[in-house]
Amino acid sequence: MNKEAINNFIVRKEDKSITLERSFAAPLAPVWAAWTEADILCKWWAPAPWRCVIRSLDFREGGRWLYAMESPEGVRHWSYFDYETIHPKTSFAGTDGFCDEHGTPNAAMPMAKWENHFSESSGQTIVRIEITYPSVEDMERLLAMGFKEGIALDFRQLDELLAANKQAKEA
């Protein structure tokens, strides 16, 4: 019995936070891998027609993910995620922000704390992401940059990737 799909995007100005809740029709292991393994993550993380270019992904506490979102014209916008805590197949948390191609943070751009939680129920995996910003202005700036629309496209691409991988395994 499959549960109803979850797809929530909740903005709380009073908490300077955004909460995303999304279910994926796949077991926990491939969903966790899609968030933590560079060769899978780069296939869905940038909303098409953009693509994700990963310079490095050191998935460990104290590690860093350094990547760019590249436009069809080849323009790259660099970002980082510094991993602070990792509980395998349960959660990871860290700081996300914009940077240059060497990973030097850009203080003029919004940054945020992310907590990603993963759980499995009835053949689906639920990802709950709690993002907290230092200010409402930073949160609103990121929203104005198209974060809600971009992450929705990313999640659809992840759905497609998980479905294709499932079909390939069944073939």
C-alpha atoms as a PDB file:
ATOM      1  CA  MET A   1       0.000   0.000   0.000  1.00  0.00           C
ATOM      2  CA  ASN A   2       1.538   3.299  -1.106  1.00  0.00           C
ATOM      3  CA  LYS A   3       1.054   6.393   0.941  1.00  0.00           C
ATOM      4  CA  GLU A   4      -0.068   9.633  -0.654  1.00  0.00           C
ATOM      5  CA  ALA A   5       2.782  11.683  -2.137  1.00  0.00           C
ATOM      6  CA  ILE A   6       4.181  14.478   0.032  1.00  0.00           C
ATOM      7  CA  ASN A   7       5.299  17.752  -1.510  1.00  0.00           C
ATOM      8  CA  ASN A   8       5.375  20.684   0.953  1.00  0.00           C
ATOM      9  CA  PHE A   9       7.216  24.001   0.811  1.00  0.00           C
ATOM     10  CA  ILE A  10       6.651  26.009   3.997  1.00  0.00           C
ATOM     11  CA  VAL A  11       8.068  29.515   4.539  1.00  0.00           C
ATOM     12  CA  ARG A  12       8.124  30.807   8.112  1.00  0.00           C
ATOM     13  CA  LYS A  13       9.304  34.409   8.237  1.00  0.00           C
ATOM     14  CA  GLU A  14       9.057  34.483  12.028  1.00  0.00           C
ATOM     15  CA  ASP A  15      11.647  31.667  12.201  1.00  0.00           C
ATOM     16  CA  LYS A  16      13.653  32.829   9.142  1.00  0.00           C
ATOM     17  CA  SER A  17      13.162  29.316   7.808  1.00  0.00           C
ATOM     18  CA  ILE A  18      11.950  27.193   4.939  1.00  0.00           C
ATOM     19  CA  THR A  19      10.835  23.599   5.443  1.00  0.00           C
ATOM     20  CA  LEU A  20      10.669  21.218   2.504  1.00  0.00           C
ATOM     21  CA  GLU A  21       8.958  17.849   2.810  1.00  0.00           C
ATOM     22  CA  ARG A  22       9.065  15.553  -0.191  1.00  0.00           C
ATOM     23  CA  SER A  23       8.360  11.885  -0.694  1.00  0.00           C
ATOM     24  CA  PHE A  24      10.075   9.764  -3.320  1.00  0.00           C
ATOM     25  CA  ALA A  25       8.753   6.442  -4.641  1.00  0.00           C
ATOM     26  CA  ALA A  26      11.942   4.580  -3.784  1.00  0.00           C
ATOM     27  CA  PRO A  27      13.561   2.867  -0.816  1.00  0.00           C
ATOM     28  CA  LEU A  28      15.855   4.814   1.490  1.00  0.00           C
ATOM     29  CA  ALA A  29      19.198   3.500   0.161  1.00  0.00           C
ATOM     30  CA  PRO A  30      18.972   4.924  -3.388  1.00  0.00           C
ATOM     31  CA  VAL A  31      17.534   8.228  -2.155  1.00  0.00           C
ATOM     32  CA  TRP A  32      20.341   8.603   0.401  1.00  0.00           C
ATOM     33  CA  ALA A  33      22.886   7.752  -2.314  1.00  0.00           C
ATOM     34  CA  ALA A  34      21.358  10.387  -4.610  1.00  0.00           C
ATOM     35  CA  TRP A  35      22.093  13.045  -1.959  1.00  0.00           C
ATOM     36  CA  THR A  36      25.535  11.815  -0.907  1.00  0.00           C
ATOM     37  CA  GLU A  37      27.350  10.325  -3.920  1.00  0.00           C
ATOM     38  CA  ALA A  38      28.801  12.777  -6.458  1.00  0.00           C
ATOM     39  CA  ASP A  39      28.145  10.673  -9.570  1.00  0.00           C
ATOM     40  CA  ILE A  40      24.424  10.468  -8.737  1.00  0.00           C
ATOM     41  CA  LEU A  41      23.961  13.917  -7.178  1.00  0.00           C
ATOM     42  CA  CYS A  42      25.263  15.715 -10.258  1.00  0.00           C
ATOM     43  CA  LYS A  43      22.569  14.053 -12.395  1.00  0.00           C
ATOM     44  CA  TRP A  44      19.665  15.831 -10.690  1.00  0.00           C
ATOM     45  CA  TRP A  45      20.830  18.765  -8.556  1.00  0.00           C
ATOM     46  CA  ALA A  46      20.613  21.579 -11.156  1.00  0.00           C
ATOM     47  CA  PRO A  47      17.245  22.439 -12.711  1.00  0.00           C
ATOM     48  CA  ALA A  48      17.357  21.671 -16.447  1.00  0.00           C
ATOM     49  CA  PRO A  49      18.572  23.084 -18.758  1.00  0.00           C
ATOM     50  CA  TRP A  50      21.236  23.982 -16.167  1.00  0.00           C
ATOM     51  CA  ARG A  51      23.623  21.277 -15.029  1.00  0.00           C
ATOM     52  CA  CYS A  52      25.571  20.567 -11.868  1.00  0.00           C
ATOM     53  CA  VAL A  53      29.358  20.516 -12.080  1.00  0.00           C
ATOM     54  CA  ILE A  54      30.974  19.039  -8.977  1.00  0.00           C
ATOM     55  CA  ARG A  55      34.545  20.076  -8.258  1.00  0.00           C
ATOM     56  CA  SER A  56      34.682  17.971  -5.066  1.00  0.00           C
ATOM     57  CA  LEU A  57      32.407  16.145  -2.655  1.00  0.00           C
ATOM     58  CA  ASP A  58      33.929  15.067   0.640  1.00  0.00           C
ATOM     59  CA  PHE A  59      30.907  13.571   2.388  1.00  0.00           C
ATOM     60  CA  ARG A  60      32.064  13.380   5.985  1.00  0.00           C
ATOM     61  CA  GLU A  61      31.734  15.548   9.063  1.00  0.00           C
ATOM     62  CA  GLY A  62      34.052  18.487   8.392  1.00  0.00           C
ATOM     63  CA  GLY A  63      33.967  17.786   4.644  1.00  0.00           C
ATOM     64  CA  ARG A  64      32.790  20.054   1.859  1.00  0.00           C
ATOM     65  CA  TRP A  65      30.799  19.787  -1.341  1.00  0.00           C
ATOM     66  CA  LEU A  66      32.015  22.369  -3.883  1.00  0.00           C
ATOM     67  CA  TYR A  67      29.958  22.659  -7.045  1.00  0.00           C
ATOM     68  CA  ALA A  68      28.642  25.001  -9.695  1.00  0.00           C
ATOM     69  CA  MET A  69      25.342  25.320 -11.434  1.00  0.00           C
ATOM     70  CA  GLU A  70      26.236  25.827 -15.075  1.00  0.00           C
ATOM     71  CA  SER A  71      23.934  27.596 -17.535  1.00  0.00           C
ATOM     72  CA  PRO A  72      23.480  26.323 -21.106  1.00  0.00           C
ATOM     73  CA  GLU A  73      25.845  29.149 -22.134  1.00  0.00           C
ATOM     74  CA  GLY A  74      28.564  27.851 -19.791  1.00  0.00           C
ATOM     75  CA  VAL A  75      28.207  30.476 -17.031  1.00  0.00           C
ATOM     76  CA  ARG A  76      28.942  28.921 -13.631  1.00  0.00           C
ATOM     77  CA  HIS A  77      27.499  29.977 -10.282  1.00  0.00           C
ATOM     78  CA  TRP A  78      29.564  28.385  -7.506  1.00  0.00           C
ATOM     79  CA  SER A  79      28.251  27.117  -4.168  1.00  0.00           C
ATOM     80  CA  TYR A  80      29.442  25.057  -1.241  1.00  0.00           C
ATOM     81  CA  PHE A  81      27.974  22.875   1.474  1.00  0.00           C
ATOM     82  CA  ASP A  82      30.066  22.330   4.610  1.00  0.00           C
ATOM     83  CA  TYR A  83      29.020  19.080   6.304  1.00  0.00           C
ATOM     84  CA  GLU A  84      28.776  19.469  10.077  1.00  0.00           C
ATOM     85  CA  THR A  85      26.896  16.351  11.213  1.00  0.00           C
ATOM     86  CA  ILE A  86      26.144  13.098   9.428  1.00  0.00           C
ATOM     87  CA  HIS A  87      24.021  10.212  10.691  1.00  0.00           C
ATOM     88  CA  PRO A  88      24.146   7.610   7.882  1.00  0.00           C
ATOM     89  CA  LYS A  89      20.830   7.028   6.124  1.00  0.00           C
ATOM     90  CA  THR A  90      19.089   9.228   8.727  1.00  0.00           C
ATOM     91  CA  SER A  91      20.275  12.834   8.420  1.00  0.00           C
ATOM     92  CA  PHE A  92      23.008  15.289   7.614  1.00  0.00           C
ATOM     93  CA  ALA A  93      23.372  18.975   8.356  1.00  0.00           C
ATOM     94  CA  GLY A  94      25.643  21.828   7.443  1.00  0.00           C
ATOM     95  CA  THR A  95      26.102  25.293   6.035  1.00  0.00           C
ATOM     96  CA  ASP A  96      25.248  26.196   2.450  1.00  0.00           C
ATOM     97  CA  GLY A  97      26.329  29.311   0.614  1.00  0.00           C
ATOM     98  CA  PHE A  98      27.648  30.921  -2.515  1.00  0.00           C
ATOM     99  CA  CYS A  99      31.373  31.111  -3.223  1.00  0.00           C
ATOM    100  CA  ASP A 100      33.974  31.479  -5.930  1.00  0.00           C
ATOM    101  CA  GLU A 101      35.422  28.553  -7.887  1.00  0.00           C
ATOM    102  CA  HIS A 102      37.999  27.997  -5.129  1.00  0.00           C
ATOM    103  CA  GLY A 103      35.358  27.701  -2.391  1.00  0.00           C
ATOM    104  CA  THR A 104      35.900  31.119  -0.822  1.00  0.00           C
ATOM    105  CA  PRO A 105      32.478  32.137   0.557  1.00  0.00           C
ATOM    106  CA  ASN A 106      30.797  35.202  -0.924  1.00  0.00           C
ATOM    107  CA  ALA A 107      29.630  37.197   2.118  1.00  0.00           C
ATOM    108  CA  ALA A 108      27.471  39.415  -0.097  1.00  0.00           C
ATOM    109  CA  MET A 109      25.206  36.452  -0.939  1.00  0.00           C
ATOM    110  CA  PRO A 110      22.717  34.563   1.262  1.00  0.00           C
ATOM    111  CA  MET A 111      23.883  31.585   3.294  1.00  0.00           C
ATOM    112  CA  ALA A 112      21.864  29.093   5.324  1.00  0.00           C
ATOM    113  CA  LYS A 113      21.964  26.174   7.718  1.00  0.00           C
ATOM    114  CA  TRP A 114      20.443  22.985   6.273  1.00  0.00           C
ATOM    115  CA  GLU A 115      19.207  19.930   8.167  1.00  0.00           C
ATOM    116  CA  ASN A 116      18.227  17.053   5.854  1.00  0.00           C
ATOM    117  CA  HIS A 117      16.278  14.170   7.418  1.00  0.00           C
ATOM    118  CA  PHE A 118      15.485  10.861   5.679  1.00  0.00           C
ATOM    119  CA  SER A 119      12.916   8.227   6.630  1.00  0.00           C
ATOM    120  CA  GLU A 120      11.344   5.269   4.858  1.00  0.00           C
ATOM    121  CA  SER A 121       7.732   4.168   5.081  1.00  0.00           C
ATOM    122  CA  SER A 122       5.627   1.845   2.905  1.00  0.00           C
ATOM    123  CA  GLY A 123       8.126   1.713   0.049  1.00  0.00           C
ATOM    124  CA  GLN A 124       8.713   5.439  -0.161  1.00  0.00           C
ATOM    125  CA  THR A 125      11.360   7.718   1.296  1.00  0.00           C
ATOM    126  CA  ILE A 126      10.463  11.014   2.900  1.00  0.00           C
ATOM    127  CA  VAL A 127      13.045  13.792   2.842  1.00  0.00           C
ATOM    128  CA  ARG A 128      12.457  16.677   5.250  1.00  0.00           C
ATOM    129  CA  ILE A 129      14.757  19.667   4.903  1.00  0.00           C
ATOM    130  CA  GLU A 130      14.838  22.478   7.411  1.00  0.00           C
ATOM    131  CA  ILE A 131      16.692  25.549   6.138  1.00  0.00           C
ATOM    132  CA  THR A 132      17.400  28.448   8.494  1.00  0.00           C
ATOM    133  CA  TYR A 133      18.740  31.836   7.437  1.00  0.00           C
ATOM    134  CA  PRO A 134      20.544  34.496   9.481  1.00  0.00           C
ATOM    135  CA  SER A 135      17.946  37.074   8.393  1.00  0.00           C
ATOM    136  CA  VAL A 136      14.539  37.326   6.743  1.00  0.00           C
ATOM    137  CA  GLU A 137      16.225  39.420   4.046  1.00  0.00           C
ATOM    138  CA  ASP A 138      18.604  36.574   3.170  1.00  0.00           C
ATOM    139  CA  MET A 139      15.696  34.133   2.990  1.00  0.00           C
ATOM    140  CA  GLU A 140      13.637  36.478   0.815  1.00  0.00           C
ATOM    141  CA  ARG A 141      16.612  37.109  -1.469  1.00  0.00           C
ATOM    142  CA  LEU A 142      17.068  33.399  -2.080  1.00  0.00           C
ATOM    143  CA  LEU A 143      13.351  32.996  -2.754  1.00  0.00           C
ATOM    144  CA  ALA A 144      13.502  35.907  -5.219  1.00  0.00           C
ATOM    145  CA  MET A 145      16.340  34.085  -7.019  1.00  0.00           C
ATOM    146  CA  GLY A 146      13.891  31.245  -7.806  1.00  0.00           C
ATOM    147  CA  PHE A 147      14.771  28.745  -5.066  1.00  0.00           C
ATOM    148  CA  LYS A 148      11.235  27.346  -4.767  1.00  0.00           C
ATOM    149  CA  GLU A 149      10.892  26.770  -8.512  1.00  0.00           C
ATOM    150  CA  GLY A 150      14.446  25.429  -8.848  1.00  0.00           C
ATOM    151  CA  ILE A 151      14.204  22.902  -6.031  1.00  0.00           C
ATOM    152  CA  ALA A 152      10.838  21.711  -7.393  1.00  0.00           C
ATOM    153  CA  LEU A 153      12.505  20.990 -10.751  1.00  0.00           C
ATOM    154  CA  ASP A 154      15.426  19.284  -8.989  1.00  0.00           C
ATOM    155  CA  PHE A 155      13.039  17.015  -7.090  1.00  0.00           C
ATOM    156  CA  ARG A 156      11.177  16.094 -10.302  1.00  0.00           C
ATOM    157  CA  GLN A 157      14.519  15.223 -11.886  1.00  0.00           C
ATOM    158  CA  LEU A 158      15.353  13.073  -8.858  1.00  0.00           C
ATOM    159  CA  ASP A 159      11.977  11.305  -9.230  1.00  0.00           C
ATOM    160  CA  GLU A 160      12.807  10.558 -12.874  1.00  0.00           C
ATOM    161  CA  LEU A 161      16.310   9.342 -12.019  1.00  0.00           C
ATOM    162  CA  LEU A 162      15.035   7.031  -9.257  1.00  0.00           C
ATOM    163  CA  ALA A 163      12.325   5.638 -11.567  1.00  0.00           C
ATOM    164  CA  ALA A 164      14.843   5.048 -14.391  1.00  0.00           C
ATOM    165  CA  ASN A 165      17.253   3.294 -12.021  1.00  0.00           C
ATOM    166  CA  LYS A 166      14.433   1.102 -10.701  1.00  0.00           C
ATOM    167  CA  GLN A 167      13.399   0.165 -14.267  1.00  0.00           C
ATOM    168  CA  ALA A 168      16.995  -0.620 -15.183  1.00  0.00           C
ATOM    169  CA  LYS A 169      17.335  -2.963 -12.195  1.00  0.00           C
ATOM    170  CA  GLU A 170      14.074  -4.714 -13.049  1.00  0.00           C
ATOM    171  CA  ALA A 171      15.038  -5.220 -16.718  1.00  0.00           C
END
